[in-house]
Amino acid sequence: MLTLPAVTTDNLGIYFVVVANNFGSVTSSLAELTVFMPPQYFLGNGTNSSNGNQLTMQLSGTPNYPYILLWATNLTPPINWRPVATNLADGNWSFTITNPPAAPAGYYRMVRQ
């Protein structure tokens, strides 16, 4: 058994076990340990075009993690957040909605998937 009390990216790699005694030895199959860091929160802003038909979101997030843009008509519980788009961040996340949902008003939020 291998116990790692605090896993970091320094621990990633290929592991195997060799067991030996007076009669010989045997080597286990290879096991690859991949370490994924939890996605970070993001920083960003959104801008709306003057005619209201376009919304652009620009954010900084953890590379290769999916972020979901959600939309709701109001913020009164229960809030019905609806997904608009899911994109992977490459460090920066940018998305333009050219046809925002039809409603008199709306609220957007980003969440990590």
PDB file of N, CA and C in Angstrom:
ATOM      1  N   MET A   1       0.841  -1.161   0.000  1.00  0.00           N
ATOM      2  CA  MET A   1       0.000   0.000   0.000  1.00  0.00           C
ATOM      3  C   MET A   1       0.898   1.240   0.000  1.00  0.00           C
ATOM      4  N   LEU A   2       0.519   2.206  -0.809  1.00  0.00           N
ATOM      5  CA  LEU A   2       1.230   3.480  -0.859  1.00  0.00           C
ATOM      6  C   LEU A   2       0.281   4.540  -0.316  1.00  0.00           C
ATOM      7  N   THR A   3       0.734   5.281   0.668  1.00  0.00           N
ATOM      8  CA  THR A   3      -0.072   6.357   1.248  1.00  0.00           C
ATOM      9  C   THR A   3       0.646   7.671   1.023  1.00  0.00           C
ATOM     10  N   LEU A   4      -0.065   8.613   0.421  1.00  0.00           N
ATOM     11  CA  LEU A   4       0.468   9.957   0.194  1.00  0.00           C
ATOM     12  C   LEU A   4      -0.413  10.925   0.982  1.00  0.00           C
ATOM     13  N   PRO A   5       0.093  11.491   2.073  1.00  0.00           N
ATOM     14  CA  PRO A   5      -0.749  12.329   2.924  1.00  0.00           C
ATOM     15  C   PRO A   5      -1.193  13.631   2.267  1.00  0.00           C
ATOM     16  N   ALA A   6      -0.383  14.204   1.414  1.00  0.00           N
ATOM     17  CA  ALA A   6      -0.736  15.454   0.734  1.00  0.00           C
ATOM     18  C   ALA A   6      -0.240  15.352  -0.704  1.00  0.00           C
ATOM     19  N   VAL A   7      -1.144  15.023  -1.601  1.00  0.00           N
ATOM     20  CA  VAL A   7      -0.771  14.818  -2.993  1.00  0.00           C
ATOM     21  C   VAL A   7      -0.579  16.161  -3.686  1.00  0.00           C
ATOM     22  N   THR A   8       0.521  16.281  -4.412  1.00  0.00           N
ATOM     23  CA  THR A   8       0.786  17.464  -5.230  1.00  0.00           C
ATOM     24  C   THR A   8       1.202  16.998  -6.614  1.00  0.00           C
ATOM     25  N   THR A   9       1.429  17.931  -7.498  1.00  0.00           N
ATOM     26  CA  THR A   9       1.862  17.565  -8.849  1.00  0.00           C
ATOM     27  C   THR A   9       3.248  16.925  -8.837  1.00  0.00           C
ATOM     28  N   ASP A  10       4.008  17.091  -7.756  1.00  0.00           N
ATOM     29  CA  ASP A  10       5.305  16.419  -7.643  1.00  0.00           C
ATOM     30  C   ASP A  10       5.158  14.899  -7.542  1.00  0.00           C
ATOM     31  N   ASN A  11       3.965  14.425  -7.164  1.00  0.00           N
ATOM     32  CA  ASN A  11       3.724  12.995  -6.994  1.00  0.00           C
ATOM     33  C   ASN A  11       3.265  12.289  -8.263  1.00  0.00           C
ATOM     34  N   LEU A  12       2.957  13.033  -9.325  1.00  0.00           N
ATOM     35  CA  LEU A  12       2.457  12.370 -10.515  1.00  0.00           C
ATOM     36  C   LEU A  12       3.547  11.541 -11.167  1.00  0.00           C
ATOM     37  N   GLY A  13       3.144  10.474 -11.838  1.00  0.00           N
ATOM     38  CA  GLY A  13       4.107   9.607 -12.505  1.00  0.00           C
ATOM     39  C   GLY A  13       3.628   8.177 -12.587  1.00  0.00           C
ATOM     40  N   ILE A  14       4.529   7.287 -12.962  1.00  0.00           N
ATOM     41  CA  ILE A  14       4.246   5.859 -13.089  1.00  0.00           C
ATOM     42  C   ILE A  14       4.789   5.152 -11.846  1.00  0.00           C
ATOM     43  N   TYR A  15       3.949   4.350 -11.224  1.00  0.00           N
ATOM     44  CA  TYR A  15       4.342   3.623 -10.020  1.00  0.00           C
ATOM     45  C   TYR A  15       4.242   2.121 -10.278  1.00  0.00           C
ATOM     46  N   PHE A  16       5.093   1.358  -9.591  1.00  0.00           N
ATOM     47  CA  PHE A  16       5.002  -0.101  -9.611  1.00  0.00           C
ATOM     48  C   PHE A  16       5.588  -0.626  -8.313  1.00  0.00           C
ATOM     49  N   VAL A  17       5.304  -1.885  -8.014  1.00  0.00           N
ATOM     50  CA  VAL A  17       5.766  -2.508  -6.782  1.00  0.00           C
ATOM     51  C   VAL A  17       6.564  -3.756  -7.151  1.00  0.00           C
ATOM     52  N   VAL A  18       7.699  -3.939  -6.478  1.00  0.00           N
ATOM     53  CA  VAL A  18       8.489  -5.155  -6.621  1.00  0.00           C
ATOM     54  C   VAL A  18       8.485  -5.862  -5.270  1.00  0.00           C
ATOM     55  N   VAL A  19       8.019  -7.107  -5.274  1.00  0.00           N
ATOM     56  CA  VAL A  19       8.001  -7.922  -4.057  1.00  0.00           C
ATOM     57  C   VAL A  19       9.009  -9.045  -4.250  1.00  0.00           C
ATOM     58  N   ALA A  20       9.917  -9.196  -3.280  1.00  0.00           N
ATOM     59  CA  ALA A  20      10.971 -10.207  -3.411  1.00  0.00           C
ATOM     60  C   ALA A  20      11.118 -10.991  -2.115  1.00  0.00           C
ATOM     61  N   ASN A  21      11.520 -12.248  -2.273  1.00  0.00           N
ATOM     62  CA  ASN A  21      11.879 -13.080  -1.134  1.00  0.00           C
ATOM     63  C   ASN A  21      12.980 -14.043  -1.593  1.00  0.00           C
ATOM     64  N   ASN A  22      13.276 -15.062  -0.799  1.00  0.00           N
ATOM     65  CA  ASN A  22      14.358 -16.008  -1.135  1.00  0.00           C
ATOM     66  C   ASN A  22      14.100 -16.808  -2.407  1.00  0.00           C
ATOM     67  N   PHE A  23      12.845 -16.874  -2.855  1.00  0.00           N
ATOM     68  CA  PHE A  23      12.500 -17.687  -4.016  1.00  0.00           C
ATOM     69  C   PHE A  23      12.411 -16.886  -5.305  1.00  0.00           C
ATOM     70  N   GLY A  24      12.567 -15.589  -5.235  1.00  0.00           N
ATOM     71  CA  GLY A  24      12.504 -14.765  -6.449  1.00  0.00           C
ATOM     72  C   GLY A  24      11.775 -13.462  -6.197  1.00  0.00           C
ATOM     73  N   SER A  25      11.312 -12.862  -7.281  1.00  0.00           N
ATOM     74  CA  SER A  25      10.612 -11.578  -7.166  1.00  0.00           C
ATOM     75  C   SER A  25       9.513 -11.505  -8.230  1.00  0.00           C
ATOM     76  N   VAL A  26       8.603 -10.627  -7.992  1.00  0.00           N
ATOM     77  CA  VAL A  26       7.531 -10.355  -8.941  1.00  0.00           C
ATOM     78  C   VAL A  26       7.304  -8.842  -8.961  1.00  0.00           C
ATOM     79  N   THR A  27       7.027  -8.330 -10.158  1.00  0.00           N
ATOM     80  CA  THR A  27       6.786  -6.899 -10.341  1.00  0.00           C
ATOM     81  C   THR A  27       5.325  -6.691 -10.729  1.00  0.00           C
ATOM     82  N   SER A  28       4.690  -5.737 -10.096  1.00  0.00           N
ATOM     83  CA  SER A  28       3.276  -5.444 -10.367  1.00  0.00           C
ATOM     84  C   SER A  28       3.113  -4.786 -11.731  1.00  0.00           C
ATOM     85  N   SER A  29       1.875  -4.654 -12.127  1.00  0.00           N
ATOM     86  CA  SER A  29       1.550  -3.863 -13.317  1.00  0.00           C
ATOM     87  C   SER A  29       1.867  -2.393 -13.027  1.00  0.00           C
ATOM     88  N   LEU A  30       2.028  -1.622 -14.081  1.00  0.00           N
ATOM     89  CA  LEU A  30       2.268  -0.190 -13.923  1.00  0.00           C
ATOM     90  C   LEU A  30       0.960   0.521 -13.588  1.00  0.00           C
ATOM     91  N   ALA A  31       1.058   1.487 -12.710  1.00  0.00           N
ATOM     92  CA  ALA A  31      -0.097   2.317 -12.356  1.00  0.00           C
ATOM     93  C   ALA A  31       0.308   3.769 -12.488  1.00  0.00           C
ATOM     94  N   GLU A  32      -0.456   4.513 -13.270  1.00  0.00           N
ATOM     95  CA  GLU A  32      -0.135   5.926 -13.469  1.00  0.00           C
ATOM     96  C   GLU A  32      -0.955   6.789 -12.515  1.00  0.00           C
ATOM     97  N   LEU A  33      -0.269   7.687 -11.824  1.00  0.00           N
ATOM     98  CA  LEU A  33      -0.933   8.625 -10.925  1.00  0.00           C
ATOM     99  C   LEU A  33      -0.973   9.980 -11.615  1.00  0.00           C
ATOM    100  N   THR A  34      -2.189  10.461 -11.822  1.00  0.00           N
ATOM    101  CA  THR A  34      -2.397  11.779 -12.408  1.00  0.00           C
ATOM    102  C   THR A  34      -2.959  12.674 -11.319  1.00  0.00           C
ATOM    103  N   VAL A  35      -2.432  13.864 -11.203  1.00  0.00           N
ATOM    104  CA  VAL A  35      -2.888  14.791 -10.171  1.00  0.00           C
ATOM    105  C   VAL A  35      -3.556  15.977 -10.847  1.00  0.00           C
ATOM    106  N   PHE A  36      -4.825  16.156 -10.542  1.00  0.00           N
ATOM    107  CA  PHE A  36      -5.555  17.309 -11.046  1.00  0.00           C
ATOM    108  C   PHE A  36      -5.735  18.291  -9.907  1.00  0.00           C
ATOM    109  N   MET A  37      -5.347  19.507 -10.131  1.00  0.00           N
ATOM    110  CA  MET A  37      -5.555  20.538  -9.127  1.00  0.00           C
ATOM    111  C   MET A  37      -6.999  21.024  -9.264  1.00  0.00           C
ATOM    112  N   PRO A  38      -7.647  21.334  -8.165  1.00  0.00           N
ATOM    113  CA  PRO A  38      -9.029  21.809  -8.271  1.00  0.00           C
ATOM    114  C   PRO A  38      -9.080  23.119  -9.039  1.00  0.00           C
ATOM    115  N   PRO A  39     -10.148  23.315  -9.787  1.00  0.00           N
ATOM    116  CA  PRO A  39     -10.239  24.565 -10.540  1.00  0.00           C
ATOM    117  C   PRO A  39     -10.298  25.764  -9.612  1.00  0.00           C
ATOM    118  N   GLN A  40      -9.681  26.832 -10.048  1.00  0.00           N
ATOM    119  CA  GLN A  40      -9.686  28.055  -9.262  1.00  0.00           C
ATOM    120  C   GLN A  40     -10.922  28.862  -9.627  1.00  0.00           C
ATOM    121  N   TYR A  41     -11.267  29.774  -8.749  1.00  0.00           N
ATOM    122  CA  TYR A  41     -12.320  30.708  -9.108  1.00  0.00           C
ATOM    123  C   TYR A  41     -11.755  31.631 -10.168  1.00  0.00           C
ATOM    124  N   PHE A  42     -12.600  32.311 -10.842  1.00  0.00           N
ATOM    125  CA  PHE A  42     -12.155  33.114 -11.956  1.00  0.00           C
ATOM    126  C   PHE A  42     -12.438  34.585 -11.705  1.00  0.00           C
ATOM    127  N   LEU A  43     -11.769  35.404 -12.464  1.00  0.00           N
ATOM    128  CA  LEU A  43     -11.962  36.843 -12.429  1.00  0.00           C
ATOM    129  C   LEU A  43     -12.414  37.261 -13.814  1.00  0.00           C
ATOM    130  N   GLY A  44     -13.300  38.208 -13.904  1.00  0.00           N
ATOM    131  CA  GLY A  44     -13.701  38.621 -15.237  1.00  0.00           C
ATOM    132  C   GLY A  44     -14.783  39.664 -15.220  1.00  0.00           C
ATOM    133  N   ASN A  45     -15.311  39.905 -16.401  1.00  0.00           N
ATOM    134  CA  ASN A  45     -16.369  40.890 -16.554  1.00  0.00           C
ATOM    135  C   ASN A  45     -17.195  40.544 -17.776  1.00  0.00           C
ATOM    136  N   GLY A  46     -18.326  41.177 -17.875  1.00  0.00           N
ATOM    137  CA  GLY A  46     -19.186  41.018 -19.036  1.00  0.00           C
ATOM    138  C   GLY A  46     -19.576  42.375 -19.555  1.00  0.00           C
ATOM    139  N   THR A  47     -19.779  42.458 -20.847  1.00  0.00           N
ATOM    140  CA  THR A  47     -20.221  43.711 -21.449  1.00  0.00           C
ATOM    141  C   THR A  47     -21.410  43.412 -22.346  1.00  0.00           C
ATOM    142  N   ASN A  48     -22.300  44.364 -22.443  1.00  0.00           N
ATOM    143  CA  ASN A  48     -23.487  44.217 -23.257  1.00  0.00           C
ATOM    144  C   ASN A  48     -23.431  45.254 -24.366  1.00  0.00           C
ATOM    145  N   SER A  49     -23.823  44.874 -25.577  1.00  0.00           N
ATOM    146  CA  SER A  49     -23.810  45.824 -26.680  1.00  0.00           C
ATOM    147  C   SER A  49     -24.921  46.849 -26.484  1.00  0.00           C
ATOM    148  N   SER A  50     -24.816  47.958 -27.193  1.00  0.00           N
ATOM    149  CA  SER A  50     -25.775  49.040 -27.017  1.00  0.00           C
ATOM    150  C   SER A  50     -27.187  48.651 -27.455  1.00  0.00           C
ATOM    151  N   ASN A  51     -27.314  47.722 -28.407  1.00  0.00           N
ATOM    152  CA  ASN A  51     -28.655  47.343 -28.848  1.00  0.00           C
ATOM    153  C   ASN A  51     -29.217  46.155 -28.077  1.00  0.00           C
ATOM    154  N   GLY A  52     -28.450  45.587 -27.125  1.00  0.00           N
ATOM    155  CA  GLY A  52     -28.934  44.510 -26.288  1.00  0.00           C
ATOM    156  C   GLY A  52     -28.937  43.140 -26.939  1.00  0.00           C
ATOM    157  N   ASN A  53     -28.395  43.010 -28.147  1.00  0.00           N
ATOM    158  CA  ASN A  53     -28.412  41.727 -28.844  1.00  0.00           C
ATOM    159  C   ASN A  53     -27.106  40.955 -28.736  1.00  0.00           C
ATOM    160  N   GLN A  54     -26.205  41.417 -27.913  1.00  0.00           N
ATOM    161  CA  GLN A  54     -24.925  40.721 -27.787  1.00  0.00           C
ATOM    162  C   GLN A  54     -24.375  40.893 -26.382  1.00  0.00           C
ATOM    163  N   LEU A  55     -23.884  39.791 -25.810  1.00  0.00           N
ATOM    164  CA  LEU A  55     -23.257  39.816 -24.496  1.00  0.00           C
ATOM    165  C   LEU A  55     -21.920  39.123 -24.618  1.00  0.00           C
ATOM    166  N   THR A  56     -20.847  39.757 -24.146  1.00  0.00           N
ATOM    167  CA  THR A  56     -19.513  39.166 -24.196  1.00  0.00           C
ATOM    168  C   THR A  56     -19.011  38.978 -22.778  1.00  0.00           C
ATOM    169  N   MET A  57     -18.541  37.752 -22.478  1.00  0.00           N
ATOM    170  CA  MET A  57     -17.966  37.428 -21.175  1.00  0.00           C
ATOM    171  C   MET A  57     -16.493  37.136 -21.386  1.00  0.00           C
ATOM    172  N   GLN A  58     -15.640  37.725 -20.556  1.00  0.00           N
ATOM    173  CA  GLN A  58     -14.204  37.457 -20.600  1.00  0.00           C
ATOM    174  C   GLN A  58     -13.741  37.178 -19.180  1.00  0.00           C
ATOM    175  N   LEU A  59     -13.110  36.004 -18.982  1.00  0.00           N
ATOM    176  CA  LEU A  59     -12.730  35.580 -17.644  1.00  0.00           C
ATOM    177  C   LEU A  59     -11.364  34.932 -17.654  1.00  0.00           C
ATOM    178  N   SER A  60     -10.727  34.898 -16.505  1.00  0.00           N
ATOM    179  CA  SER A  60      -9.514  34.115 -16.298  1.00  0.00           C
ATOM    180  C   SER A  60      -9.877  32.947 -15.416  1.00  0.00           C
ATOM    181  N   GLY A  61      -9.504  31.745 -15.829  1.00  0.00           N
ATOM    182  CA  GLY A  61      -9.824  30.555 -15.048  1.00  0.00           C
ATOM    183  C   GLY A  61      -8.706  29.544 -15.132  1.00  0.00           C
ATOM    184  N   THR A  62      -8.914  28.399 -14.525  1.00  0.00           N
ATOM    185  CA  THR A  62      -7.932  27.327 -14.531  1.00  0.00           C
ATOM    186  C   THR A  62      -7.908  26.674 -15.902  1.00  0.00           C
ATOM    187  N   PRO A  63      -6.730  26.541 -16.530  1.00  0.00           N
ATOM    188  CA  PRO A  63      -6.650  25.920 -17.852  1.00  0.00           C
ATOM    189  C   PRO A  63      -7.229  24.503 -17.856  1.00  0.00           C
ATOM    190  N   ASN A  64      -7.933  24.184 -18.929  1.00  0.00           N
ATOM    191  CA  ASN A  64      -8.515  22.864 -19.203  1.00  0.00           C
ATOM    192  C   ASN A  64      -9.647  22.458 -18.272  1.00  0.00           C
ATOM    193  N   TYR A  65     -10.222  23.392 -17.550  1.00  0.00           N
ATOM    194  CA  TYR A  65     -11.399  23.097 -16.742  1.00  0.00           C
ATOM    195  C   TYR A  65     -12.615  23.715 -17.411  1.00  0.00           C
ATOM    196  N   PRO A  66     -13.730  22.981 -17.419  1.00  0.00           N
ATOM    197  CA  PRO A  66     -14.936  23.535 -18.035  1.00  0.00           C
ATOM    198  C   PRO A  66     -15.649  24.511 -17.105  1.00  0.00           C
ATOM    199  N   TYR A  67     -16.081  25.591 -17.683  1.00  0.00           N
ATOM    200  CA  TYR A  67     -16.885  26.590 -16.987  1.00  0.00           C
ATOM    201  C   TYR A  67     -18.217  26.702 -17.717  1.00  0.00           C
ATOM    202  N   ILE A  68     -19.279  26.862 -16.953  1.00  0.00           N
ATOM    203  CA  ILE A  68     -20.612  26.908 -17.527  1.00  0.00           C
ATOM    204  C   ILE A  68     -21.196  28.300 -17.303  1.00  0.00           C
ATOM    205  N   LEU A  69     -21.695  28.891 -18.374  1.00  0.00           N
ATOM    206  CA  LEU A  69     -22.409  30.158 -18.292  1.00  0.00           C
ATOM    207  C   LEU A  69     -23.887  29.828 -18.086  1.00  0.00           C
ATOM    208  N   LEU A  70     -24.471  30.365 -17.003  1.00  0.00           N
ATOM    209  CA  LEU A  70     -25.867  30.109 -16.661  1.00  0.00           C
ATOM    210  C   LEU A  70     -26.666  31.404 -16.750  1.00  0.00           C
ATOM    211  N   TRP A  71     -27.954  31.282 -16.995  1.00  0.00           N
ATOM    212  CA  TRP A  71     -28.835  32.431 -17.124  1.00  0.00           C
ATOM    213  C   TRP A  71     -30.120  32.176 -16.354  1.00  0.00           C
ATOM    214  N   ALA A  72     -30.657  33.209 -15.704  1.00  0.00           N
ATOM    215  CA  ALA A  72     -31.934  33.124 -14.999  1.00  0.00           C
ATOM    216  C   ALA A  72     -32.710  34.418 -15.215  1.00  0.00           C
ATOM    217  N   THR A  73     -34.034  34.322 -15.141  1.00  0.00           N
ATOM    218  CA  THR A  73     -34.863  35.511 -15.344  1.00  0.00           C
ATOM    219  C   THR A  73     -34.954  36.374 -14.103  1.00  0.00           C
ATOM    220  N   ASN A  74     -34.749  35.768 -12.913  1.00  0.00           N
ATOM    221  CA  ASN A  74     -34.808  36.558 -11.683  1.00  0.00           C
ATOM    222  C   ASN A  74     -33.951  35.892 -10.616  1.00  0.00           C
ATOM    223  N   LEU A  75     -33.773  36.577  -9.516  1.00  0.00           N
ATOM    224  CA  LEU A  75     -32.952  36.059  -8.420  1.00  0.00           C
ATOM    225  C   LEU A  75     -33.790  35.754  -7.179  1.00  0.00           C
ATOM    226  N   THR A  76     -35.071  35.554  -7.375  1.00  0.00           N
ATOM    227  CA  THR A  76     -35.959  35.196  -6.276  1.00  0.00           C
ATOM    228  C   THR A  76     -36.038  33.681  -6.180  1.00  0.00           C
ATOM    229  N   PRO A  77     -35.721  33.106  -4.994  1.00  0.00           N
ATOM    230  CA  PRO A  77     -35.764  31.641  -4.866  1.00  0.00           C
ATOM    231  C   PRO A  77     -37.169  31.102  -5.122  1.00  0.00           C
ATOM    232  N   PRO A  78     -37.303  29.951  -5.714  1.00  0.00           N
ATOM    233  CA  PRO A  78     -36.210  29.123  -6.234  1.00  0.00           C
ATOM    234  C   PRO A  78     -35.728  29.661  -7.579  1.00  0.00           C
ATOM    235  N   ILE A  79     -34.421  29.788  -7.704  1.00  0.00           N
ATOM    236  CA  ILE A  79     -33.818  30.328  -8.929  1.00  0.00           C
ATOM    237  C   ILE A  79     -33.639  29.193  -9.925  1.00  0.00           C
ATOM    238  N   ASN A  80     -34.107  29.409 -11.124  1.00  0.00           N
ATOM    239  CA  ASN A  80     -34.000  28.407 -12.182  1.00  0.00           C
ATOM    240  C   ASN A  80     -32.867  28.803 -13.126  1.00  0.00           C
ATOM    241  N   TRP A  81     -31.619  28.400 -12.775  1.00  0.00           N
ATOM    242  CA  TRP A  81     -30.463  28.702 -13.617  1.00  0.00           C
ATOM    243  C   TRP A  81     -30.463  27.758 -14.808  1.00  0.00           C
ATOM    244  N   ARG A  82     -30.386  28.310 -16.012  1.00  0.00           N
ATOM    245  CA  ARG A  82     -30.372  27.504 -17.232  1.00  0.00           C
ATOM    246  C   ARG A  82     -29.014  27.643 -17.918  1.00  0.00           C
ATOM    247  N   PRO A  83     -28.433  26.517 -18.355  1.00  0.00           N
ATOM    248  CA  PRO A  83     -27.136  26.596 -19.029  1.00  0.00           C
ATOM    249  C   PRO A  83     -27.255  27.263 -20.393  1.00  0.00           C
ATOM    250  N   VAL A  84     -26.299  28.133 -20.684  1.00  0.00           N
ATOM    251  CA  VAL A  84     -26.245  28.806 -21.978  1.00  0.00           C
ATOM    252  C   VAL A  84     -25.074  28.255 -22.793  1.00  0.00           C
ATOM    253  N   ALA A  85     -23.926  28.045 -22.126  1.00  0.00           N
ATOM    254  CA  ALA A  85     -22.730  27.556 -22.829  1.00  0.00           C
ATOM    255  C   ALA A  85     -21.773  26.920 -21.843  1.00  0.00           C
ATOM    256  N   THR A  86     -21.008  25.950 -22.332  1.00  0.00           N
ATOM    257  CA  THR A  86     -19.934  25.330 -21.556  1.00  0.00           C
ATOM    258  C   THR A  86     -18.668  25.419 -22.388  1.00  0.00           C
ATOM    259  N   ASN A  87     -17.619  26.001 -21.830  1.00  0.00           N
ATOM    260  CA  ASN A  87     -16.340  26.126 -22.526  1.00  0.00           C
ATOM    261  C   ASN A  87     -15.210  25.737 -21.601  1.00  0.00           C
ATOM    262  N   LEU A  88     -14.145  25.175 -22.190  1.00  0.00           N
ATOM    263  CA  LEU A  88     -12.918  24.922 -21.440  1.00  0.00           C
ATOM    264  C   LEU A  88     -12.107  26.205 -21.409  1.00  0.00           C
ATOM    265  N   ALA A  89     -11.526  26.493 -20.274  1.00  0.00           N
ATOM    266  CA  ALA A  89     -10.657  27.669 -20.177  1.00  0.00           C
ATOM    267  C   ALA A  89      -9.246  27.265 -20.581  1.00  0.00           C
ATOM    268  N   ASP A  90      -8.566  28.131 -21.288  1.00  0.00           N
ATOM    269  CA  ASP A  90      -7.151  27.905 -21.581  1.00  0.00           C
ATOM    270  C   ASP A  90      -6.331  28.894 -20.766  1.00  0.00           C
ATOM    271  N   GLY A  91      -6.867  29.271 -19.631  1.00  0.00           N
ATOM    272  CA  GLY A  91      -6.310  30.338 -18.815  1.00  0.00           C
ATOM    273  C   GLY A  91      -7.211  31.547 -18.935  1.00  0.00           C
ATOM    274  N   ASN A  92      -7.758  31.727 -20.144  1.00  0.00           N
ATOM    275  CA  ASN A  92      -8.728  32.783 -20.400  1.00  0.00           C
ATOM    276  C   ASN A  92      -9.964  32.149 -21.012  1.00  0.00           C
ATOM    277  N   TRP A  93     -11.107  32.657 -20.654  1.00  0.00           N
ATOM    278  CA  TRP A  93     -12.382  32.145 -21.143  1.00  0.00           C
ATOM    279  C   TRP A  93     -13.114  33.311 -21.743  1.00  0.00           C
ATOM    280  N   SER A  94     -13.462  33.199 -22.993  1.00  0.00           N
ATOM    281  CA  SER A  94     -14.170  34.281 -23.660  1.00  0.00           C
ATOM    282  C   SER A  94     -15.338  33.693 -24.425  1.00  0.00           C
ATOM    283  N   PHE A  95     -16.468  34.326 -24.324  1.00  0.00           N
ATOM    284  CA  PHE A  95     -17.645  33.824 -25.006  1.00  0.00           C
ATOM    285  C   PHE A  95     -18.541  34.996 -25.355  1.00  0.00           C
ATOM    286  N   THR A  96     -19.078  34.983 -26.554  1.00  0.00           N
ATOM    287  CA  THR A  96     -20.007  36.018 -26.979  1.00  0.00           C
ATOM    288  C   THR A  96     -21.339  35.364 -27.308  1.00  0.00           C
ATOM    289  N   ILE A  97     -22.388  35.871 -26.705  1.00  0.00           N
ATOM    290  CA  ILE A  97     -23.737  35.419 -27.006  1.00  0.00           C
ATOM    291  C   ILE A  97     -24.326  36.453 -27.957  1.00  0.00           C
ATOM    292  N   THR A  98     -24.576  36.030 -29.179  1.00  0.00           N
ATOM    293  CA  THR A  98     -25.097  36.981 -30.161  1.00  0.00           C
ATOM    294  C   THR A  98     -26.615  37.053 -30.139  1.00  0.00           C
ATOM    295  N   ASN A  99     -27.239  36.110 -29.468  1.00  0.00           N
ATOM    296  CA  ASN A  99     -28.688  36.104 -29.377  1.00  0.00           C
ATOM    297  C   ASN A  99     -29.092  35.745 -27.950  1.00  0.00           C
ATOM    298  N   PRO A 100     -28.963  36.662 -26.982  1.00  0.00           N
ATOM    299  CA  PRO A 100     -29.292  36.333 -25.587  1.00  0.00           C
ATOM    300  C   PRO A 100     -30.734  35.842 -25.466  1.00  0.00           C
ATOM    301  N   PRO A 101     -31.032  35.056 -24.434  1.00  0.00           N
ATOM    302  CA  PRO A 101     -32.402  34.567 -24.246  1.00  0.00           C
ATOM    303  C   PRO A 101     -33.400  35.719 -24.232  1.00  0.00           C
ATOM    304  N   ALA A 102     -34.543  35.489 -24.868  1.00  0.00           N
ATOM    305  CA  ALA A 102     -35.563  36.531 -24.959  1.00  0.00           C
ATOM    306  C   ALA A 102     -36.275  36.682 -23.619  1.00  0.00           C
ATOM    307  N   ALA A 103     -36.081  37.785 -22.978  1.00  0.00           N
ATOM    308  CA  ALA A 103     -36.746  38.107 -21.717  1.00  0.00           C
ATOM    309  C   ALA A 103     -36.513  39.580 -21.449  1.00  0.00           C
ATOM    310  N   PRO A 104     -37.385  40.212 -20.687  1.00  0.00           N
ATOM    311  CA  PRO A 104     -37.179  41.636 -20.406  1.00  0.00           C
ATOM    312  C   PRO A 104     -35.907  41.903 -19.602  1.00  0.00           C
ATOM    313  N   ALA A 105     -35.491  40.949 -18.782  1.00  0.00           N
ATOM    314  CA  ALA A 105     -34.267  41.110 -17.991  1.00  0.00           C
ATOM    315  C   ALA A 105     -33.708  39.726 -17.730  1.00  0.00           C
ATOM    316  N   GLY A 106     -32.431  39.663 -17.429  1.00  0.00           N
ATOM    317  CA  GLY A 106     -31.830  38.378 -17.136  1.00  0.00           C
ATOM    318  C   GLY A 106     -30.568  38.550 -16.322  1.00  0.00           C
ATOM    319  N   TYR A 107     -30.178  37.471 -15.679  1.00  0.00           N
ATOM    320  CA  TYR A 107     -28.992  37.463 -14.847  1.00  0.00           C
ATOM    321  C   TYR A 107     -28.095  36.321 -15.317  1.00  0.00           C
ATOM    322  N   TYR A 108     -26.804  36.566 -15.332  1.00  0.00           N
ATOM    323  CA  TYR A 108     -25.839  35.570 -15.750  1.00  0.00           C
ATOM    324  C   TYR A 108     -24.892  35.264 -14.608  1.00  0.00           C
ATOM    325  N   ARG A 109     -24.408  34.031 -14.581  1.00  0.00           N
ATOM    326  CA  ARG A 109     -23.349  33.669 -13.638  1.00  0.00           C
ATOM    327  C   ARG A 109     -22.527  32.563 -14.284  1.00  0.00           C
ATOM    328  N   MET A 110     -21.279  32.468 -13.818  1.00  0.00           N
ATOM    329  CA  MET A 110     -20.374  31.413 -14.285  1.00  0.00           C
ATOM    330  C   MET A 110     -20.118  30.483 -13.123  1.00  0.00           C
ATOM    331  N   VAL A 111     -20.067  29.182 -13.409  1.00  0.00           N
ATOM    332  CA  VAL A 111     -19.736  28.192 -12.401  1.00  0.00           C
ATOM    333  C   VAL A 111     -18.734  27.214 -12.971  1.00  0.00           C
ATOM    334  N   ARG A 112     -17.956  26.611 -12.076  1.00  0.00           N
ATOM    335  CA  ARG A 112     -17.055  25.544 -12.478  1.00  0.00           C
ATOM    336  C   ARG A 112     -17.867  24.278 -12.612  1.00  0.00           C
ATOM    337  N   GLN A 113     -17.551  23.483 -13.597  1.00  0.00           N
ATOM    338  CA  GLN A 113     -18.275  22.226 -13.739  1.00  0.00           C
ATOM    339  C   GLN A 113     -17.697  21.190 -12.822  1.00  0.00           C
TER     340      GLN A 113
END
